[in-house]
Amino acid sequence: MKYYLVSLGCAKNSVDSESIARLLNRDGWTATQTPQQADLMLVNTCGFIKPARDESYEYLAELAELKTENQVLVAAGCLSERVQQAILTEVPGVDGIIGSKRWMDIIPFVNQVRQNYKLSPIYYPSGESFGDEPDILRASILGNSAYLKIADGCRRKCAYCSIPLIKGSTVSRPMESVLSDAKKLEQIGMKEIILIAQDITDYALDLGVKNGLESLLKYMVKEIPAIPWIRLLYLFPGQISDQLIELMAQNQQILHYIDIPLQHAHPDILKKMNRPSDIEWITRTFEKLRSAMPDVAIRTTFITGFPGETEKEFDFLLDFVKTMRFDRVGVFPYWFEKGTPSEKLGDPILMDVKQKRLEALMKTQGKISLSINKKFVGKTLQVLTEGTQEGMIVGRSYRDAPEIDGLVFINGDVPLNELVSVKITTAMMHDLIGVPAII
């Protein structure tokens, strides 16, 4: 029996996809890269915003068009959790639907679908909470880096966000399970573990543990000493404690990299977003981070065109970005989402306006990024090498999370999948170029 698996959306979804694959493999299935050869075609969908939903529908429709009489097509993941009937309406060829909360039941579900799919599509009801499969590694491996999921869902009530509608409130994995997976990743030679959750600063509070992230990190630096990089994604504004800052500053394993999505800077917009609106407090937090770790790389994200955002409020955001000088910035236009708290605000700002503001913000950040990158010329960075491109070795420094940040291009012969010392010779807007450092 063969399966073809497509994973869409974020790294958290990739963890679920690889967990599903491991369960299928354990049950005797074999992966194939060709959908025509598969007995089971499975799309782990994303349903966060409209473009993601459209992509999910497109993949499902393509596979439904290819499907033969003896194949089954399954929609899994976030879109399946949120809009079961819409999937069947958009893609009648889907044979089964299983939501994001029940990934661990993929084997009995697939067996049920294969037995009954010719009668009618099967929907596997969502459970009340997330489960765990003790013997299945809850990580997505990318080269010598691994995303390790420590929690799912989110208890925050951000006005624009559909995650609580899809995932429910925060459900943390037990610390012993996370540590067990970390040790497995150490044993197979990973160089980087990326802890991910919708809000890792909220980790283990639902389990009755205060300062759960700090506790987890203290255990990790003791129990997986052979993994040189531990990266944190994503931290919630207002929840970065002095203890966490001190812990990061004192442990080289925990990378001096912070991804703290702010979404805006004007207090009035932040209040409408149901986000932390005390910008002075947030600014002080960045000052603490930079004081404790002068080399800290700070990444954030912003939304343009949130309902009611005026030109004056957008200009405030632009000035904030100029003042704070973030290392990395991602910008997204506001997408109207039914069922979210912001639904009542409508979608009054035209997409053209949202896009122009996005471009203006990215243009401003581009100049800042280039200026910051130029300061690394002549310095030596540790780089995790990952591949080749245009005749050069390509890797990432501590400042670069996979797939979202910059790269370091190396002119010279260095081993792949290793940490190497690189002397930076050239700075670009997002990337750096260097040569092997002579030590």
Protein backbone atom coordinates (compact mmCIF):
# COMPACT_ATOMS: atom_id res chain seq x y z
CA MET A 1 0.00 0.00 0.00
CA LYS A 2 1.33 3.42 -0.97
CA TYR A 3 0.41 6.92 0.12
CA TYR A 4 0.99 10.36 -1.38
CA LEU A 5 1.05 13.19 1.17
CA VAL A 6 0.91 16.94 0.52
CA SER A 7 1.56 19.29 3.46
CA LEU A 8 0.35 22.89 3.20
CA GLY A 9 0.65 25.86 5.52
CA CYS A 10 2.98 26.51 8.42
CA ALA A 11 5.75 24.54 10.10
CA LYS A 12 3.31 23.46 12.82
CA ASN A 13 1.26 21.78 10.10
CA SER A 14 4.44 20.14 8.77
CA VAL A 15 4.94 18.54 12.18
CA ASP A 16 1.44 17.05 11.97
CA SER A 17 2.09 15.85 8.42
CA GLU A 18 5.32 14.07 9.36
CA SER A 19 3.61 12.57 12.40
CA ILE A 20 0.86 11.21 10.13
CA ALA A 21 3.51 9.82 7.78
CA ARG A 22 5.29 8.07 10.65
CA LEU A 23 2.02 6.44 11.73
CA LEU A 24 1.33 5.27 8.18
CA ASN A 25 4.87 3.94 7.82
CA ARG A 26 4.57 2.05 11.07
CA ASP A 27 1.35 0.48 9.81
CA GLY A 28 3.07 -0.87 6.71
CA TRP A 29 2.40 1.91 4.21
CA THR A 30 5.09 3.23 1.84
CA ALA A 31 5.40 6.83 0.72
CA THR A 32 5.45 7.70 -2.99
CA GLN A 33 6.23 10.98 -4.72
CA THR A 34 3.79 10.19 -7.54
CA PRO A 35 0.07 10.54 -6.83
CA GLN A 36 -0.84 8.14 -9.65
CA GLN A 37 0.99 5.34 -7.81
CA ALA A 38 -0.77 5.93 -4.48
CA ASP A 39 -3.60 3.96 -2.95
CA LEU A 40 -4.16 6.87 -0.57
CA MET A 41 -3.82 10.55 -1.52
CA LEU A 42 -3.83 12.86 1.49
CA VAL A 43 -3.70 16.67 1.68
CA ASN A 44 -2.94 18.19 5.08
CA THR A 45 -4.72 21.48 4.49
CA CYS A 46 -4.34 25.02 5.79
CA GLY A 47 -7.42 27.12 6.54
CA PHE A 48 -5.94 30.21 8.20
CA ILE A 49 -6.85 32.86 5.59
CA LYS A 50 -8.51 32.89 2.16
CA PRO A 51 -5.34 32.43 0.05
CA ALA A 52 -4.43 29.38 2.15
CA ARG A 53 -7.93 27.94 1.78
CA ASP A 54 -7.85 28.53 -1.97
CA GLU A 55 -4.53 26.70 -2.23
CA SER A 56 -5.94 23.76 -0.26
CA TYR A 57 -9.00 23.53 -2.50
CA GLU A 58 -6.78 23.69 -5.60
CA TYR A 59 -4.58 20.80 -4.44
CA LEU A 60 -7.60 18.70 -3.51
CA ALA A 61 -9.27 19.43 -6.87
CA GLU A 62 -6.11 18.49 -8.80
CA LEU A 63 -5.87 15.16 -7.00
CA ALA A 64 -9.61 14.53 -7.36
CA GLU A 65 -9.20 14.99 -11.11
CA LEU A 66 -6.38 12.41 -11.15
CA LYS A 67 -8.12 9.92 -8.86
CA THR A 68 -8.94 6.48 -10.21
CA GLU A 69 -11.65 4.11 -9.02
CA ASN A 70 -9.27 2.30 -6.65
CA GLN A 71 -7.76 5.38 -5.01
CA VAL A 72 -9.08 7.34 -2.03
CA LEU A 73 -8.61 11.06 -1.42
CA VAL A 74 -8.49 12.41 2.13
CA ALA A 75 -8.56 16.02 3.33
CA ALA A 76 -6.89 16.49 6.70
CA GLY A 77 -5.77 19.41 8.84
CA CYS A 78 -7.00 22.91 9.57
CA LEU A 79 -9.39 23.47 6.67
CA SER A 80 -10.94 20.09 7.43
CA GLU A 81 -11.38 21.11 11.04
CA ARG A 82 -13.19 24.31 10.14
CA VAL A 83 -15.37 23.75 7.05
CA GLN A 84 -16.19 20.10 6.41
CA GLN A 85 -19.25 20.62 4.22
CA ALA A 86 -17.57 23.33 2.17
CA ILE A 87 -14.82 20.88 1.23
CA LEU A 88 -17.36 18.37 -0.07
CA THR A 89 -19.14 21.13 -1.99
CA GLU A 90 -15.94 22.49 -3.53
CA VAL A 91 -14.35 19.09 -4.18
CA PRO A 92 -16.94 16.30 -4.55
CA GLY A 93 -14.14 13.78 -5.14
CA VAL A 94 -13.00 13.86 -1.51
CA ASP A 95 -13.66 10.50 0.18
CA GLY A 96 -12.81 11.36 3.77
CA ILE A 97 -12.26 14.33 6.05
CA ILE A 98 -10.30 14.30 9.30
CA GLY A 99 -9.63 17.43 11.35
CA SER A 100 -6.37 18.73 12.75
CA LYS A 101 -7.16 17.54 16.27
CA ARG A 102 -7.36 13.86 15.35
CA TRP A 103 -4.14 13.28 13.40
CA MET A 104 -3.26 10.44 15.78
CA ASP A 105 -6.32 8.46 14.56
CA ILE A 106 -5.21 8.41 10.92
CA ILE A 107 -4.89 4.60 10.74
CA PRO A 108 -8.42 3.62 11.88
CA PHE A 109 -9.79 6.54 9.88
CA VAL A 110 -8.06 5.50 6.65
CA ASN A 111 -9.19 1.90 7.15
CA GLN A 112 -12.76 3.12 7.55
CA VAL A 113 -12.55 5.29 4.44
CA ARG A 114 -11.10 2.50 2.31
CA GLN A 115 -13.89 0.14 3.37
CA ASN A 116 -16.80 2.53 2.82
CA TYR A 117 -15.70 5.36 0.54
CA LYS A 118 -17.85 4.23 -2.40
CA LEU A 119 -20.98 4.68 -0.29
CA SER A 120 -20.48 8.25 0.97
CA PRO A 121 -17.68 10.58 2.18
CA ILE A 122 -16.65 9.98 5.77
CA TYR A 123 -16.03 12.72 8.32
CA TYR A 124 -14.07 11.78 11.41
CA PRO A 125 -15.48 13.86 14.29
CA SER A 126 -13.15 16.18 16.10
CA GLY A 127 -12.18 15.40 19.67
CA GLU A 128 -12.37 17.90 22.48
CA SER A 129 -8.63 18.04 22.95
CA PHE A 130 -5.40 17.15 21.24
CA GLY A 131 -3.96 13.73 21.77
CA ASP A 132 -0.42 12.44 21.58
CA GLU A 133 1.04 9.23 20.24
CA PRO A 134 3.81 8.27 22.68
CA ASP A 135 6.07 6.49 20.21
CA ILE A 136 5.71 8.99 17.36
CA LEU A 137 8.26 11.78 17.03
CA ARG A 138 6.36 15.11 16.97
CA ALA A 139 8.84 16.95 14.82
CA SER A 140 9.33 18.04 11.25
CA ILE A 141 12.88 17.50 10.02
CA LEU A 142 14.45 19.82 7.48
CA GLY A 143 18.06 18.85 6.81
CA ASN A 144 19.87 19.07 10.14
CA SER A 145 17.15 21.22 11.71
CA ALA A 146 13.92 20.07 13.30
CA TYR A 147 10.72 21.87 14.24
CA LEU A 148 9.58 20.43 17.57
CA LYS A 149 5.97 21.23 18.46
CA ILE A 150 5.44 21.84 22.18
CA ALA A 151 1.79 22.95 22.15
CA ASP A 152 -1.16 23.45 19.86
CA GLY A 153 -4.08 25.85 19.81
CA CYS A 154 -4.17 29.32 21.34
CA ARG A 155 -6.06 30.92 24.21
CA ARG A 156 -5.45 34.48 22.98
CA LYS A 157 -8.41 36.32 21.47
CA CYS A 158 -6.72 38.35 18.73
CA ALA A 159 -9.53 39.93 16.75
CA TYR A 160 -8.27 38.98 13.28
CA CYS A 161 -7.20 35.41 14.00
CA SER A 162 -9.06 32.20 13.17
CA ILE A 163 -6.65 29.87 14.98
CA PRO A 164 -8.81 29.54 18.13
CA LEU A 165 -11.77 28.68 15.86
CA ILE A 166 -9.73 25.94 14.20
CA LYS A 167 -7.50 24.66 16.99
CA GLY A 168 -9.27 25.67 20.18
CA SER A 169 -7.43 26.88 23.26
CA THR A 170 -3.83 26.09 24.13
CA VAL A 171 -3.08 22.44 24.80
CA SER A 172 0.52 21.83 25.86
CA ARG A 173 2.40 18.59 25.42
CA PRO A 174 3.73 17.08 28.66
CA MET A 175 7.29 18.20 29.32
CA GLU A 176 8.57 14.64 29.45
CA SER A 177 7.21 13.98 25.95
CA VAL A 178 8.89 17.09 24.55
CA LEU A 179 12.18 16.19 26.22
CA SER A 180 11.95 12.61 24.94
CA ASP A 181 11.55 13.89 21.39
CA ALA A 182 14.44 16.32 21.87
CA LYS A 183 16.67 13.43 22.92
CA LYS A 184 15.64 11.44 19.83
CA LEU A 185 16.59 14.40 17.66
CA GLU A 186 19.94 14.62 19.42
CA GLN A 187 20.55 10.92 18.79
CA ILE A 188 20.00 11.27 15.04
CA GLY A 189 22.42 14.18 14.83
CA MET A 190 20.26 17.27 14.55
CA LYS A 191 22.16 20.55 14.80
CA GLU A 192 19.14 22.76 15.49
CA ILE A 193 15.87 22.31 17.37
CA ILE A 194 13.20 24.93 16.73
CA LEU A 195 10.57 24.99 19.45
CA ILE A 196 7.25 25.97 17.92
CA ALA A 197 3.72 26.70 19.07
CA GLN A 198 1.23 29.43 18.37
CA ASP A 199 2.55 31.08 21.55
CA ILE A 200 5.45 29.30 23.23
CA THR A 201 5.43 31.78 26.14
CA ASP A 202 2.11 30.18 27.12
CA TYR A 203 3.62 26.70 27.28
CA ALA A 204 2.43 24.42 30.12
CA LEU A 205 0.23 27.01 31.84
CA ASP A 206 -2.74 24.76 30.99
CA LEU A 207 -0.87 21.95 32.77
CA GLY A 208 -0.62 24.03 35.93
CA VAL A 209 3.03 24.95 35.40
CA LYS A 210 4.12 28.57 35.76
CA ASN A 211 7.09 29.72 33.65
CA GLY A 212 6.81 26.51 31.66
CA LEU A 213 9.00 27.66 28.78
CA GLU A 214 11.82 28.62 31.11
CA SER A 215 11.55 25.26 32.90
CA LEU A 216 11.58 23.37 29.60
CA LEU A 217 14.63 25.24 28.35
CA LYS A 218 16.54 24.61 31.60
CA TYR A 219 15.96 20.87 31.17
CA MET A 220 16.85 20.96 27.48
CA VAL A 221 20.24 22.63 27.89
CA LYS A 222 21.11 19.93 30.45
CA GLU A 223 19.73 16.91 28.64
CA ILE A 224 20.61 17.60 24.98
CA PRO A 225 24.09 19.17 25.18
CA ALA A 226 25.06 17.84 21.75
CA ILE A 227 22.53 20.07 19.95
CA PRO A 228 24.24 23.43 19.52
CA TRP A 229 21.20 25.51 18.48
CA ILE A 230 17.81 25.86 20.17
CA ARG A 231 15.57 28.43 18.46
CA LEU A 232 12.28 29.86 19.80
CA LEU A 233 9.17 30.49 17.64
CA TYR A 234 6.88 32.44 18.51
CA LEU A 235 6.76 34.67 21.60
CA PHE A 236 3.79 36.77 22.67
CA PRO A 237 4.24 40.48 23.46
CA GLY A 238 3.94 41.09 27.17
CA GLN A 239 4.99 37.56 28.09
CA ILE A 240 8.77 37.72 27.72
CA SER A 241 9.91 37.54 31.32
CA ASP A 242 13.14 38.84 32.80
CA GLN A 243 13.91 35.22 33.74
CA LEU A 244 13.63 34.13 30.10
CA ILE A 245 15.89 36.96 28.95
CA GLU A 246 18.49 36.03 31.57
CA LEU A 247 18.28 32.34 30.64
CA MET A 248 18.85 33.12 26.97
CA ALA A 249 21.74 35.44 27.75
CA GLN A 250 23.48 32.84 29.91
CA ASN A 251 23.10 29.80 27.63
CA GLN A 252 24.80 29.75 24.24
CA GLN A 253 22.64 26.84 23.11
CA ILE A 254 19.56 29.08 23.15
CA LEU A 255 20.02 31.28 20.12
CA HIS A 256 19.93 35.03 20.56
CA TYR A 257 16.97 35.21 18.21
CA ILE A 258 13.50 36.45 19.10
CA ASP A 259 10.42 36.18 16.89
CA ILE A 260 7.76 38.30 18.57
CA PRO A 261 4.84 39.15 16.25
CA LEU A 262 3.57 42.63 17.16
CA GLN A 263 1.03 43.07 14.30
CA HIS A 264 0.93 46.85 14.76
CA ALA A 265 2.38 49.66 16.86
CA HIS A 266 -0.40 52.22 17.25
CA PRO A 267 -2.22 51.67 20.58
CA ASP A 268 -5.67 52.30 19.09
CA ILE A 269 -5.22 49.68 16.37
CA LEU A 270 -3.72 47.23 18.85
CA LYS A 271 -6.74 47.64 21.11
CA LYS A 272 -9.06 46.92 18.18
CA MET A 273 -6.94 43.86 17.46
CA ASN A 274 -7.25 42.67 21.09
CA ARG A 275 -3.45 42.75 21.27
CA PRO A 276 -1.13 44.12 23.97
CA SER A 277 -1.29 47.88 23.41
CA ASP A 278 1.27 49.21 25.90
CA ILE A 279 3.93 50.12 23.37
CA GLU A 280 6.15 51.64 26.05
CA TRP A 281 6.21 48.28 27.85
CA ILE A 282 7.04 46.51 24.58
CA THR A 283 9.79 49.02 23.84
CA ARG A 284 11.28 48.44 27.29
CA THR A 285 11.26 44.71 26.63
CA PHE A 286 13.31 45.22 23.47
CA GLU A 287 15.69 47.42 25.43
CA LYS A 288 16.11 44.65 28.01
CA LEU A 289 16.75 42.08 25.28
CA ARG A 290 19.37 44.23 23.59
CA SER A 291 21.01 45.11 26.88
CA ALA A 292 21.30 41.48 27.97
CA MET A 293 22.22 40.23 24.47
CA PRO A 294 23.81 42.96 22.34
CA ASP A 295 23.89 40.56 19.37
CA VAL A 296 20.20 39.59 19.62
CA ALA A 297 18.33 39.35 16.31
CA ILE A 298 14.71 40.47 16.60
CA ARG A 299 12.06 39.51 14.09
CA THR A 300 8.45 40.69 14.06
CA THR A 301 5.40 40.79 11.79
CA PHE A 302 2.82 43.45 11.04
CA ILE A 303 -0.62 43.62 9.45
CA THR A 304 -1.56 46.49 7.14
CA GLY A 305 -5.10 47.64 6.49
CA PHE A 306 -6.77 46.40 9.67
CA PRO A 307 -10.31 47.85 9.74
CA GLY A 308 -10.14 51.51 10.71
CA GLU A 309 -6.40 51.94 10.20
CA THR A 310 -5.90 55.56 9.17
CA GLU A 311 -2.97 57.03 7.27
CA LYS A 312 -1.89 58.68 10.50
CA GLU A 313 -1.90 55.35 12.36
CA PHE A 314 0.02 53.70 9.54
CA ASP A 315 2.59 56.52 9.60
CA PHE A 316 2.94 55.88 13.34
CA LEU A 317 3.77 52.26 12.51
CA LEU A 318 6.34 53.35 9.93
CA ASP A 319 8.03 55.64 12.44
CA PHE A 320 8.02 52.85 15.03
CA VAL A 321 9.81 50.51 12.60
CA LYS A 322 12.38 53.20 11.83
CA THR A 323 13.01 53.75 15.53
CA MET A 324 13.15 50.10 16.61
CA ARG A 325 15.33 48.87 13.73
CA PHE A 326 14.26 45.25 13.69
CA ASP A 327 16.55 42.71 12.06
CA ARG A 328 13.71 41.00 10.24
CA VAL A 329 10.13 42.05 9.47
CA GLY A 330 7.29 40.23 7.77
CA VAL A 331 4.23 42.16 6.58
CA PHE A 332 0.80 40.83 5.58
CA PRO A 333 -2.38 42.54 4.41
CA TYR A 334 -5.45 42.14 6.58
CA TRP A 335 -7.76 39.33 5.48
CA PHE A 336 -11.40 39.42 6.56
CA GLU A 337 -12.35 36.21 8.36
CA LYS A 338 -15.90 35.22 9.27
CA GLY A 339 -16.32 34.09 12.85
CA THR A 340 -13.40 36.10 14.22
CA PRO A 341 -13.97 38.99 16.66
CA SER A 342 -13.07 41.50 13.92
CA GLU A 343 -15.90 40.27 11.66
CA LYS A 344 -18.14 43.01 13.04
CA LEU A 345 -15.68 45.64 11.81
CA GLY A 346 -16.09 44.56 8.21
CA ASP A 347 -13.35 45.03 5.64
CA PRO A 348 -13.53 48.73 4.72
CA ILE A 349 -9.96 49.26 3.46
CA LEU A 350 -9.33 48.40 -0.17
CA MET A 351 -6.75 45.71 -0.94
CA ASP A 352 -4.85 48.22 -3.09
CA VAL A 353 -4.42 50.45 -0.04
CA LYS A 354 -3.37 47.51 2.12
CA GLN A 355 -0.84 46.48 -0.49
CA LYS A 356 0.61 49.98 -0.90
CA ARG A 357 1.08 50.25 2.85
CA LEU A 358 2.68 46.81 2.88
CA GLU A 359 5.13 47.83 0.16
CA ALA A 360 5.95 51.10 1.92
CA LEU A 361 6.67 49.22 5.14
CA MET A 362 8.84 46.64 3.40
CA LYS A 363 10.75 49.37 1.55
CA THR A 364 11.50 51.07 4.87
CA GLN A 365 12.53 47.78 6.45
CA GLY A 366 14.70 46.90 3.46
CA LYS A 367 16.89 49.94 4.08
CA ILE A 368 17.15 49.04 7.77
CA SER A 369 18.01 45.42 6.99
CA LEU A 370 20.78 46.44 4.61
CA SER A 371 22.19 48.87 7.15
CA ILE A 372 22.23 46.19 9.88
CA ASN A 373 23.72 43.59 7.54
CA LYS A 374 26.58 45.91 6.57
CA LYS A 375 27.71 45.90 10.21
CA PHE A 376 28.53 42.19 9.88
CA VAL A 377 31.09 42.73 7.12
CA GLY A 378 34.48 41.71 8.49
CA LYS A 379 32.94 39.73 11.34
CA THR A 380 32.85 35.95 11.72
CA LEU A 381 29.57 34.06 12.12
CA GLN A 382 28.79 30.44 12.78
CA VAL A 383 26.79 29.14 9.82
CA LEU A 384 24.81 25.93 9.51
CA THR A 385 25.44 24.79 5.94
CA GLU A 386 22.45 23.30 4.13
CA GLY A 387 23.03 23.09 0.38
CA THR A 388 24.43 24.70 -2.74
CA GLN A 389 23.17 27.50 -4.95
CA GLU A 390 24.81 29.19 -7.94
CA GLY A 391 28.09 27.44 -7.22
CA MET A 392 28.24 28.49 -3.58
CA ILE A 393 27.51 26.73 -0.31
CA VAL A 394 24.35 28.11 1.33
CA GLY A 395 23.55 28.17 5.03
CA ARG A 396 22.02 30.14 7.89
CA SER A 397 23.40 32.01 10.86
CA TYR A 398 21.73 32.31 14.28
CA ARG A 399 19.92 35.35 12.84
CA ASP A 400 18.07 33.27 10.26
CA ALA A 401 15.15 30.94 10.87
CA PRO A 402 14.54 28.45 8.04
CA GLU A 403 12.51 29.59 5.04
CA ILE A 404 11.54 33.01 6.43
CA ASP A 405 14.80 34.89 7.00
CA GLY A 406 18.02 35.45 5.06
CA LEU A 407 20.83 33.17 3.94
CA VAL A 408 24.59 33.17 4.11
CA PHE A 409 26.38 32.34 0.83
CA ILE A 410 29.89 30.91 1.21
CA ASN A 411 32.61 31.21 -1.42
CA GLY A 412 34.80 28.25 -0.58
CA ASP A 413 34.88 24.58 0.25
CA VAL A 414 33.16 23.73 3.53
CA PRO A 415 31.26 20.58 4.59
CA LEU A 416 27.49 20.42 4.29
CA ASN A 417 25.15 19.97 7.25
CA GLU A 418 27.74 21.27 9.67
CA LEU A 419 28.35 24.42 11.67
CA VAL A 420 31.27 26.29 10.11
CA SER A 421 32.95 29.63 10.78
CA VAL A 422 32.40 32.17 8.01
CA LYS A 423 33.99 35.60 7.63
CA ILE A 424 31.46 37.98 6.09
CA THR A 425 32.72 39.91 3.05
CA THR A 426 29.55 41.33 1.47
CA ALA A 427 26.16 42.48 2.76
CA MET A 428 22.92 42.48 0.80
CA MET A 429 19.44 43.56 1.85
CA HIS A 430 18.49 40.16 3.25
CA ASP A 431 21.52 37.91 2.77
CA LEU A 432 25.24 37.84 3.52
CA ILE A 433 28.22 36.54 1.55
CA GLY A 434 31.40 35.24 3.15
CA VAL A 435 34.40 32.95 2.96
CA PRO A 436 35.57 30.17 5.28
CA ALA A 437 37.22 31.77 8.30
CA ILE A 438 40.78 30.81 9.09
CA ILE A 439 40.91 29.83 12.75
